[in-house]
């Protein structure tokens, strides 16, 4: 059983990024993203109240589950450019690795770098054996990212949305 008192939110740094806890300064851009057509692959666009619930859920998973979402911040200028997370709980049949980038930051390898770092943290720190990514069937960019991360299609995986495509991430053993 998870001990909620042992859930310090980590800061993970990569060559170009800092993955850190969400804070209130992140809310306006997150809310705008969730209200936009860009959120369609996540079931959106979302009204402000629904987006707020999602934002709070991302933070609440840390004390409840020992993992959750981290904001993606560039080391060069400290700009928050998106989010990456490990999700679980009643809405997720398995531990899920998810990501989103705000407009203008795609195509630069940021999502790959952040998702790989959090995936490795989940394997190394949480001891997870696998993770899944639930990808909307029409989200070609996320299909490509899951494959670049080394994930493979898992047509037998449980999913909360039957239309999702599920990619399975395995821990690489050297």
N, C-alpha and C. Protein backbone atom coordinates (compact mmCIF):
# COMPACT_ATOMS: atom_id res chain seq x y z
N UNK A 1 0.84 -1.18 0.00
CA UNK A 1 0.00 0.00 0.00
C UNK A 1 0.89 1.24 0.00
N UNK A 2 0.44 2.26 -0.71
CA UNK A 2 1.20 3.50 -0.83
C UNK A 2 1.10 4.34 0.44
N UNK A 3 2.21 4.87 0.89
CA UNK A 3 2.26 5.77 2.04
C UNK A 3 2.21 7.21 1.53
N UNK A 4 1.08 7.92 1.73
CA UNK A 4 0.95 9.27 1.20
C UNK A 4 2.00 10.25 1.73
N UNK A 5 2.56 9.98 2.87
CA UNK A 5 3.55 10.90 3.44
C UNK A 5 4.91 10.76 2.76
N UNK A 6 5.09 9.74 1.91
CA UNK A 6 6.38 9.55 1.26
C UNK A 6 6.37 10.03 -0.18
N UNK A 7 5.45 10.90 -0.52
CA UNK A 7 5.25 11.28 -1.92
C UNK A 7 5.75 12.67 -2.26
N UNK A 8 6.99 12.93 -2.00
CA UNK A 8 7.55 14.20 -2.43
C UNK A 8 7.50 14.23 -3.96
N UNK A 9 7.08 15.34 -4.50
CA UNK A 9 7.01 15.46 -5.96
C UNK A 9 8.43 15.71 -6.46
N UNK A 10 8.92 14.84 -7.35
CA UNK A 10 10.30 15.00 -7.81
C UNK A 10 10.47 16.14 -8.80
N UNK A 11 11.68 16.57 -8.94
CA UNK A 11 12.10 17.44 -10.03
C UNK A 11 13.06 16.59 -10.85
N UNK A 12 12.75 16.44 -12.13
CA UNK A 12 13.57 15.62 -13.03
C UNK A 12 14.12 16.54 -14.10
N UNK A 13 15.43 16.52 -14.28
CA UNK A 13 16.04 17.34 -15.32
C UNK A 13 16.63 16.46 -16.40
N UNK A 14 16.49 16.93 -17.63
CA UNK A 14 17.09 16.29 -18.80
C UNK A 14 18.06 17.31 -19.39
N UNK A 15 18.54 17.04 -20.56
CA UNK A 15 19.46 17.97 -21.19
C UNK A 15 18.89 19.35 -21.43
N UNK A 16 17.59 19.43 -21.73
CA UNK A 16 16.97 20.72 -22.05
C UNK A 16 15.79 21.09 -21.17
N UNK A 17 15.32 20.14 -20.36
CA UNK A 17 14.05 20.33 -19.67
C UNK A 17 14.13 20.11 -18.17
N UNK A 18 13.20 20.74 -17.48
CA UNK A 18 12.96 20.47 -16.06
C UNK A 18 11.49 20.03 -15.96
N UNK A 19 11.28 18.87 -15.37
CA UNK A 19 9.94 18.38 -15.09
C UNK A 19 9.69 18.67 -13.61
N UNK A 20 8.66 19.44 -13.33
CA UNK A 20 8.45 19.92 -11.96
C UNK A 20 6.97 19.93 -11.62
N UNK A 21 6.69 20.11 -10.34
CA UNK A 21 5.32 20.13 -9.86
C UNK A 21 4.52 21.27 -10.49
N UNK A 22 3.25 21.02 -10.76
CA UNK A 22 2.38 22.12 -11.22
C UNK A 22 2.22 23.16 -10.11
N UNK A 23 2.00 24.41 -10.52
CA UNK A 23 1.69 25.47 -9.56
C UNK A 23 0.64 26.38 -10.18
N UNK A 24 0.12 27.30 -9.40
CA UNK A 24 -0.98 28.14 -9.88
C UNK A 24 -0.60 29.00 -11.07
N UNK A 25 0.67 29.33 -11.23
CA UNK A 25 1.08 30.12 -12.39
C UNK A 25 0.89 29.33 -13.68
N UNK A 26 0.81 27.99 -13.59
CA UNK A 26 0.60 27.15 -14.76
C UNK A 26 -0.86 27.09 -15.20
N UNK A 27 -1.78 27.43 -14.30
CA UNK A 27 -3.20 27.25 -14.56
C UNK A 27 -3.71 28.02 -15.79
N UNK A 28 -3.41 29.30 -16.00
CA UNK A 28 -4.01 30.01 -17.14
C UNK A 28 -3.71 29.36 -18.50
N UNK A 29 -2.47 28.97 -18.74
CA UNK A 29 -2.13 28.37 -20.03
C UNK A 29 -2.74 26.98 -20.15
N UNK A 30 -2.70 26.21 -19.06
CA UNK A 30 -3.32 24.88 -19.05
C UNK A 30 -4.81 24.99 -19.36
N UNK A 31 -5.49 25.91 -18.69
CA UNK A 31 -6.92 26.10 -18.89
C UNK A 31 -7.24 26.49 -20.33
N UNK A 32 -6.45 27.40 -20.88
CA UNK A 32 -6.64 27.82 -22.28
C UNK A 32 -6.46 26.64 -23.22
N UNK A 33 -5.42 25.83 -22.99
CA UNK A 33 -5.19 24.65 -23.82
C UNK A 33 -6.39 23.70 -23.74
N UNK A 34 -6.86 23.42 -22.53
CA UNK A 34 -7.95 22.47 -22.35
C UNK A 34 -9.27 22.97 -22.95
N UNK A 35 -9.43 24.28 -23.08
CA UNK A 35 -10.64 24.85 -23.68
C UNK A 35 -10.55 24.92 -25.20
N UNK A 36 -9.37 24.62 -25.75
CA UNK A 36 -9.15 24.76 -27.20
C UNK A 36 -9.44 23.45 -27.95
N UNK A 37 -9.47 23.57 -29.25
CA UNK A 37 -9.64 22.39 -30.10
C UNK A 37 -8.46 21.43 -29.97
N UNK A 38 -7.34 21.88 -29.47
CA UNK A 38 -6.17 21.02 -29.27
C UNK A 38 -6.47 19.91 -28.25
N UNK A 39 -7.45 20.11 -27.39
CA UNK A 39 -7.79 19.12 -26.36
C UNK A 39 -8.75 18.04 -26.88
N UNK A 40 -9.09 18.09 -28.16
CA UNK A 40 -10.04 17.13 -28.71
C UNK A 40 -9.56 15.69 -28.56
N UNK A 41 -8.27 15.45 -28.64
CA UNK A 41 -7.75 14.09 -28.51
C UNK A 41 -7.75 13.59 -27.07
N UNK A 42 -8.13 14.46 -26.15
CA UNK A 42 -8.23 14.09 -24.74
C UNK A 42 -9.68 14.09 -24.28
N UNK A 43 -10.61 14.25 -25.23
CA UNK A 43 -12.02 14.28 -24.88
C UNK A 43 -12.60 15.68 -24.79
N UNK A 44 -11.81 16.69 -25.08
CA UNK A 44 -12.23 18.08 -24.97
C UNK A 44 -12.79 18.61 -26.28
N UNK A 45 -12.91 19.91 -26.35
CA UNK A 45 -12.55 20.94 -25.41
C UNK A 45 -13.36 20.84 -24.11
N UNK A 46 -12.75 21.38 -23.04
CA UNK A 46 -13.34 21.28 -21.71
C UNK A 46 -13.73 22.65 -21.19
N UNK A 47 -14.86 22.69 -20.48
CA UNK A 47 -15.26 23.90 -19.76
C UNK A 47 -14.26 24.13 -18.62
N UNK A 48 -14.22 25.35 -18.12
CA UNK A 48 -13.26 25.71 -17.09
C UNK A 48 -13.36 24.80 -15.86
N UNK A 49 -14.55 24.48 -15.43
CA UNK A 49 -14.71 23.63 -14.23
C UNK A 49 -14.13 22.24 -14.46
N UNK A 50 -14.34 21.68 -15.63
CA UNK A 50 -13.79 20.35 -15.93
C UNK A 50 -12.27 20.42 -16.01
N UNK A 51 -11.74 21.48 -16.64
CA UNK A 51 -10.29 21.63 -16.74
C UNK A 51 -9.68 21.80 -15.34
N UNK A 52 -10.35 22.53 -14.47
CA UNK A 52 -9.85 22.71 -13.11
C UNK A 52 -9.81 21.36 -12.39
N UNK A 53 -10.84 20.56 -12.56
CA UNK A 53 -10.86 19.23 -11.95
C UNK A 53 -9.70 18.37 -12.45
N UNK A 54 -9.39 18.46 -13.73
CA UNK A 54 -8.28 17.70 -14.30
C UNK A 54 -6.94 18.20 -13.74
N UNK A 55 -6.80 19.51 -13.62
CA UNK A 55 -5.57 20.10 -13.10
C UNK A 55 -5.36 19.65 -11.65
N UNK A 56 -6.42 19.70 -10.86
CA UNK A 56 -6.33 19.26 -9.45
C UNK A 56 -6.07 17.76 -9.35
N UNK A 57 -6.67 16.98 -10.23
CA UNK A 57 -6.43 15.53 -10.27
C UNK A 57 -4.96 15.25 -10.51
N UNK A 58 -4.36 16.00 -11.42
CA UNK A 58 -2.94 15.80 -11.75
C UNK A 58 -2.06 16.00 -10.52
N UNK A 59 -2.41 16.97 -9.69
CA UNK A 59 -1.64 17.26 -8.48
C UNK A 59 -1.99 16.25 -7.38
N UNK A 60 -3.27 15.93 -7.23
CA UNK A 60 -3.74 15.06 -6.14
C UNK A 60 -3.18 13.64 -6.24
N UNK A 61 -2.84 13.20 -7.42
CA UNK A 61 -2.30 11.85 -7.54
C UNK A 61 -0.99 11.68 -6.78
N UNK A 62 -0.21 12.76 -6.62
CA UNK A 62 1.07 12.63 -5.93
C UNK A 62 0.90 12.13 -4.49
N UNK A 63 0.11 12.77 -3.65
CA UNK A 63 -0.03 12.23 -2.29
C UNK A 63 -0.87 10.95 -2.23
N UNK A 64 -1.79 10.77 -3.18
CA UNK A 64 -2.65 9.59 -3.15
C UNK A 64 -1.99 8.35 -3.73
N UNK A 65 -1.21 8.52 -4.79
CA UNK A 65 -0.69 7.38 -5.54
C UNK A 65 0.84 7.31 -5.59
N UNK A 66 1.51 8.39 -5.26
CA UNK A 66 2.97 8.40 -5.34
C UNK A 66 3.50 8.77 -6.70
N UNK A 67 2.63 9.23 -7.57
CA UNK A 67 3.00 9.70 -8.90
C UNK A 67 1.90 10.63 -9.37
N UNK A 68 2.12 11.27 -10.50
CA UNK A 68 1.13 12.20 -11.04
C UNK A 68 1.74 12.93 -12.22
N UNK A 69 1.30 14.15 -12.42
CA UNK A 69 1.77 14.93 -13.56
C UNK A 69 2.83 15.94 -13.14
N UNK A 70 3.69 16.22 -14.10
CA UNK A 70 4.73 17.23 -13.94
C UNK A 70 4.64 18.19 -15.12
N UNK A 71 4.91 19.45 -14.85
CA UNK A 71 4.93 20.42 -15.92
C UNK A 71 6.28 20.34 -16.61
N UNK A 72 6.28 20.58 -17.91
CA UNK A 72 7.51 20.56 -18.71
C UNK A 72 7.96 22.01 -18.87
N UNK A 73 9.16 22.29 -18.39
CA UNK A 73 9.71 23.64 -18.41
C UNK A 73 11.06 23.60 -19.12
N UNK A 74 11.31 24.56 -19.98
CA UNK A 74 12.61 24.60 -20.65
C UNK A 74 13.67 25.15 -19.69
N UNK A 75 14.85 24.53 -19.69
CA UNK A 75 15.94 25.01 -18.86
C UNK A 75 16.46 26.36 -19.35
N UNK A 76 16.40 26.57 -20.67
CA UNK A 76 16.97 27.78 -21.25
C UNK A 76 16.29 29.05 -20.75
N UNK A 77 14.95 29.03 -20.65
CA UNK A 77 14.24 30.25 -20.26
C UNK A 77 13.17 30.05 -19.20
N UNK A 78 13.00 28.82 -18.71
CA UNK A 78 12.01 28.57 -17.66
C UNK A 78 10.57 28.61 -18.12
N UNK A 79 10.35 28.57 -19.44
CA UNK A 79 8.99 28.63 -19.96
C UNK A 79 8.32 27.26 -19.81
N UNK A 80 7.08 27.27 -19.32
CA UNK A 80 6.29 26.05 -19.22
C UNK A 80 5.69 25.76 -20.59
N UNK A 81 6.01 24.57 -21.14
CA UNK A 81 5.60 24.26 -22.51
C UNK A 81 4.63 23.08 -22.61
N UNK A 82 4.26 22.50 -21.48
CA UNK A 82 3.32 21.38 -21.52
C UNK A 82 3.36 20.58 -20.24
N UNK A 83 2.93 19.33 -20.36
CA UNK A 83 2.80 18.47 -19.19
C UNK A 83 3.05 17.02 -19.58
N UNK A 84 3.59 16.26 -18.65
CA UNK A 84 3.78 14.82 -18.81
C UNK A 84 3.35 14.19 -17.49
N UNK A 85 2.79 12.99 -17.54
CA UNK A 85 2.34 12.40 -16.29
C UNK A 85 2.26 10.89 -16.32
N UNK A 86 2.31 10.32 -15.13
CA UNK A 86 1.96 8.92 -14.92
C UNK A 86 0.66 8.95 -14.15
N UNK A 87 -0.38 8.41 -14.75
CA UNK A 87 -1.72 8.42 -14.19
C UNK A 87 -2.16 7.02 -13.81
N UNK A 88 -2.93 6.92 -12.74
CA UNK A 88 -3.59 5.67 -12.38
C UNK A 88 -4.78 6.02 -11.51
N UNK A 89 -5.43 5.01 -11.00
CA UNK A 89 -6.61 5.25 -10.18
C UNK A 89 -7.85 4.76 -10.89
N UNK A 90 -9.02 5.12 -10.38
CA UNK A 90 -10.26 4.55 -10.91
C UNK A 90 -10.56 4.89 -12.37
N UNK A 91 -9.95 5.95 -12.90
CA UNK A 91 -10.20 6.32 -14.30
C UNK A 91 -9.25 5.64 -15.28
N UNK A 92 -8.26 4.92 -14.76
CA UNK A 92 -7.22 4.34 -15.59
C UNK A 92 -7.07 2.86 -15.26
N UNK A 93 -7.31 1.97 -16.22
CA UNK A 93 -7.16 0.54 -15.95
C UNK A 93 -5.74 0.12 -15.57
N UNK A 94 -4.75 0.86 -16.05
CA UNK A 94 -3.33 0.58 -15.74
C UNK A 94 -2.61 1.91 -15.57
N UNK A 95 -1.37 1.85 -15.13
CA UNK A 95 -0.55 3.06 -15.07
C UNK A 95 -0.34 3.57 -16.49
N UNK A 96 -0.70 4.83 -16.70
CA UNK A 96 -0.63 5.42 -18.04
C UNK A 96 0.44 6.50 -18.08
N UNK A 97 1.23 6.50 -19.13
CA UNK A 97 2.16 7.58 -19.43
C UNK A 97 1.50 8.48 -20.46
N UNK A 98 1.25 9.73 -20.07
CA UNK A 98 0.59 10.67 -20.96
C UNK A 98 1.40 11.94 -21.11
N UNK A 99 1.10 12.71 -22.15
CA UNK A 99 1.84 13.95 -22.42
C UNK A 99 0.97 14.91 -23.19
N UNK A 100 1.31 16.18 -23.10
CA UNK A 100 0.71 17.21 -23.94
C UNK A 100 1.71 18.35 -24.05
N UNK A 101 1.73 18.97 -25.22
CA UNK A 101 2.56 20.16 -25.45
C UNK A 101 1.66 21.30 -25.87
N UNK A 102 1.98 22.47 -25.39
CA UNK A 102 1.24 23.66 -25.79
C UNK A 102 1.60 24.04 -27.22
N UNK A 103 0.70 24.76 -27.91
CA UNK A 103 0.96 25.13 -29.30
C UNK A 103 2.31 25.85 -29.47
N UNK A 104 2.98 25.49 -30.55
CA UNK A 104 4.25 26.12 -30.89
C UNK A 104 5.47 25.37 -30.40
N UNK A 105 5.27 24.29 -29.64
CA UNK A 105 6.42 23.57 -29.09
C UNK A 105 6.56 22.15 -29.64
N UNK A 106 5.70 21.77 -30.58
CA UNK A 106 5.79 20.44 -31.18
C UNK A 106 6.96 20.39 -32.16
N UNK A 107 7.36 19.16 -32.47
CA UNK A 107 8.37 18.96 -33.50
C UNK A 107 9.79 19.30 -33.09
N UNK A 108 10.04 19.50 -31.80
CA UNK A 108 11.38 19.86 -31.33
C UNK A 108 11.95 18.80 -30.39
N UNK A 109 11.25 17.68 -30.25
CA UNK A 109 11.72 16.59 -29.41
C UNK A 109 11.43 16.76 -27.93
N UNK A 110 10.71 17.81 -27.55
CA UNK A 110 10.42 18.05 -26.13
C UNK A 110 9.55 16.95 -25.53
N UNK A 111 8.50 16.56 -26.21
CA UNK A 111 7.60 15.53 -25.66
C UNK A 111 8.34 14.21 -25.51
N UNK A 112 9.15 13.86 -26.48
CA UNK A 112 9.94 12.62 -26.39
C UNK A 112 10.87 12.68 -25.18
N UNK A 113 11.59 13.78 -25.03
CA UNK A 113 12.55 13.92 -23.94
C UNK A 113 11.87 13.85 -22.58
N UNK A 114 10.73 14.53 -22.44
CA UNK A 114 10.00 14.54 -21.16
C UNK A 114 9.38 13.18 -20.88
N UNK A 115 8.73 12.58 -21.88
CA UNK A 115 8.06 11.29 -21.67
C UNK A 115 9.07 10.19 -21.37
N UNK A 116 10.21 10.19 -22.06
CA UNK A 116 11.24 9.18 -21.79
C UNK A 116 11.77 9.33 -20.37
N UNK A 117 11.98 10.56 -19.92
CA UNK A 117 12.51 10.79 -18.58
C UNK A 117 11.52 10.33 -17.51
N UNK A 118 10.24 10.65 -17.69
CA UNK A 118 9.25 10.23 -16.68
C UNK A 118 9.00 8.73 -16.75
N UNK A 119 8.99 8.18 -17.94
CA UNK A 119 8.86 6.72 -18.09
C UNK A 119 9.99 6.02 -17.32
N UNK A 120 11.22 6.47 -17.52
CA UNK A 120 12.36 5.86 -16.83
C UNK A 120 12.27 6.04 -15.32
N UNK A 121 11.79 7.20 -14.88
CA UNK A 121 11.58 7.44 -13.45
C UNK A 121 10.55 6.45 -12.90
N UNK A 122 9.48 6.23 -13.64
CA UNK A 122 8.46 5.28 -13.21
C UNK A 122 9.00 3.86 -13.09
N UNK A 123 9.82 3.46 -14.03
CA UNK A 123 10.43 2.13 -13.96
C UNK A 123 11.44 2.06 -12.81
N UNK A 124 12.31 3.06 -12.72
CA UNK A 124 13.41 3.02 -11.74
C UNK A 124 12.94 3.30 -10.31
N UNK A 125 12.09 4.28 -10.13
CA UNK A 125 11.68 4.71 -8.80
C UNK A 125 10.46 3.98 -8.29
N UNK A 126 9.45 3.83 -9.15
CA UNK A 126 8.22 3.15 -8.72
C UNK A 126 8.30 1.65 -8.88
N UNK A 127 9.26 1.18 -9.67
CA UNK A 127 9.38 -0.26 -9.90
C UNK A 127 8.33 -0.81 -10.83
N UNK A 128 7.73 0.05 -11.66
CA UNK A 128 6.71 -0.42 -12.60
C UNK A 128 7.35 -1.34 -13.64
N UNK A 129 6.63 -2.36 -14.05
CA UNK A 129 7.11 -3.30 -15.07
C UNK A 129 6.73 -2.83 -16.47
N UNK A 130 5.55 -2.23 -16.59
CA UNK A 130 5.10 -1.67 -17.86
C UNK A 130 4.28 -0.42 -17.58
N UNK A 131 4.10 0.36 -18.61
CA UNK A 131 3.18 1.50 -18.64
C UNK A 131 2.41 1.39 -19.95
N UNK A 132 1.26 2.03 -20.00
CA UNK A 132 0.53 2.13 -21.26
C UNK A 132 0.33 3.60 -21.60
N UNK A 133 0.12 3.87 -22.87
CA UNK A 133 -0.31 5.19 -23.31
C UNK A 133 -1.61 4.99 -24.07
N UNK A 134 -2.66 5.66 -23.61
CA UNK A 134 -3.96 5.63 -24.28
C UNK A 134 -3.96 6.77 -25.28
N UNK A 135 -4.01 6.45 -26.57
CA UNK A 135 -3.89 7.45 -27.61
C UNK A 135 -5.16 7.48 -28.44
N UNK A 136 -5.72 8.66 -28.62
CA UNK A 136 -6.90 8.83 -29.46
C UNK A 136 -6.57 8.31 -30.86
N UNK A 137 -7.51 7.60 -31.45
CA UNK A 137 -7.25 6.96 -32.74
C UNK A 137 -6.82 7.94 -33.83
N UNK A 138 -7.21 9.20 -33.75
CA UNK A 138 -6.87 10.18 -34.78
C UNK A 138 -5.64 11.03 -34.45
N UNK A 139 -5.00 10.78 -33.31
CA UNK A 139 -3.87 11.61 -32.89
C UNK A 139 -2.56 11.03 -33.44
N UNK A 140 -2.29 11.32 -34.70
CA UNK A 140 -1.12 10.74 -35.38
C UNK A 140 0.20 11.12 -34.71
N UNK A 141 0.30 12.35 -34.22
CA UNK A 141 1.55 12.78 -33.57
C UNK A 141 1.84 11.93 -32.33
N UNK A 142 0.81 11.64 -31.54
CA UNK A 142 1.03 10.83 -30.33
C UNK A 142 1.26 9.36 -30.68
N UNK A 143 0.66 8.87 -31.76
CA UNK A 143 0.98 7.51 -32.21
C UNK A 143 2.47 7.43 -32.54
N UNK A 144 2.96 8.42 -33.29
CA UNK A 144 4.37 8.44 -33.66
C UNK A 144 5.28 8.56 -32.46
N UNK A 145 4.89 9.39 -31.50
CA UNK A 145 5.72 9.55 -30.30
C UNK A 145 5.78 8.26 -29.50
N UNK A 146 4.65 7.61 -29.31
CA UNK A 146 4.64 6.34 -28.57
C UNK A 146 5.58 5.33 -29.24
N UNK A 147 5.54 5.27 -30.55
CA UNK A 147 6.41 4.34 -31.27
C UNK A 147 7.88 4.74 -31.15
N UNK A 148 8.18 6.05 -31.23
CA UNK A 148 9.57 6.50 -31.05
C UNK A 148 10.08 6.18 -29.64
N UNK A 149 9.18 6.17 -28.67
CA UNK A 149 9.55 5.82 -27.30
C UNK A 149 9.78 4.31 -27.14
N UNK A 150 9.48 3.54 -28.19
CA UNK A 150 9.68 2.09 -28.14
C UNK A 150 8.46 1.31 -27.71
N UNK A 151 7.33 1.97 -27.54
CA UNK A 151 6.10 1.29 -27.14
C UNK A 151 5.54 0.49 -28.32
N UNK A 152 4.81 -0.56 -27.99
CA UNK A 152 4.20 -1.41 -29.02
C UNK A 152 2.69 -1.45 -28.81
N UNK A 153 1.97 -1.63 -29.90
CA UNK A 153 0.51 -1.73 -29.81
C UNK A 153 0.12 -2.92 -28.93
N UNK A 154 -0.88 -2.71 -28.10
CA UNK A 154 -1.41 -3.78 -27.26
C UNK A 154 -2.93 -3.80 -27.45
N UNK A 155 -3.39 -4.63 -28.37
CA UNK A 155 -4.81 -4.68 -28.70
C UNK A 155 -5.63 -5.38 -27.61
N UNK A 156 -4.98 -6.05 -26.67
CA UNK A 156 -5.71 -6.76 -25.61
C UNK A 156 -5.81 -5.94 -24.32
N UNK A 157 -5.16 -4.78 -24.26
CA UNK A 157 -5.16 -3.98 -23.04
C UNK A 157 -6.54 -3.41 -22.75
N UNK A 158 -6.88 -3.36 -21.46
CA UNK A 158 -8.12 -2.71 -21.05
C UNK A 158 -7.99 -1.22 -21.29
N UNK A 159 -9.11 -0.59 -21.57
CA UNK A 159 -9.12 0.85 -21.80
C UNK A 159 -10.44 1.41 -21.33
N UNK A 160 -10.44 2.65 -20.86
CA UNK A 160 -11.69 3.26 -20.43
C UNK A 160 -12.46 3.84 -21.60
N UNK A 161 -11.79 4.14 -22.71
CA UNK A 161 -12.46 4.59 -23.93
C UNK A 161 -12.17 3.55 -25.01
N UNK A 162 -13.21 2.83 -25.44
CA UNK A 162 -12.99 1.76 -26.42
C UNK A 162 -12.36 2.23 -27.73
N UNK A 163 -12.45 3.53 -28.03
CA UNK A 163 -11.87 4.05 -29.27
C UNK A 163 -10.37 4.32 -29.15
N UNK A 164 -9.83 4.31 -27.93
CA UNK A 164 -8.40 4.57 -27.75
C UNK A 164 -7.56 3.44 -28.33
N UNK A 165 -6.40 3.79 -28.81
CA UNK A 165 -5.37 2.84 -29.21
C UNK A 165 -4.42 2.77 -28.02
N UNK A 166 -4.01 1.56 -27.64
CA UNK A 166 -3.16 1.42 -26.46
C UNK A 166 -1.76 0.97 -26.89
N UNK A 167 -0.78 1.73 -26.43
CA UNK A 167 0.62 1.39 -26.63
C UNK A 167 1.20 0.96 -25.29
N UNK A 168 1.99 -0.10 -25.29
CA UNK A 168 2.61 -0.60 -24.07
C UNK A 168 4.11 -0.31 -24.08
N UNK A 169 4.55 0.30 -22.98
CA UNK A 169 5.97 0.60 -22.76
C UNK A 169 6.53 -0.45 -21.84
N UNK A 170 7.64 -1.03 -22.24
CA UNK A 170 8.33 -2.00 -21.40
C UNK A 170 9.64 -1.41 -20.92
N UNK A 171 10.03 -1.83 -19.75
CA UNK A 171 11.33 -1.43 -19.23
C UNK A 171 12.41 -2.10 -20.07
N UNK A 172 13.36 -1.31 -20.53
CA UNK A 172 14.48 -1.86 -21.29
C UNK A 172 15.54 -2.34 -20.34
N UNK A 173 15.94 -3.56 -20.47
CA UNK A 173 16.98 -4.12 -19.64
C UNK A 173 18.25 -4.23 -20.47
N UNK A 174 19.34 -3.73 -19.92
CA UNK A 174 20.61 -3.76 -20.64
C UNK A 174 21.34 -5.06 -20.37
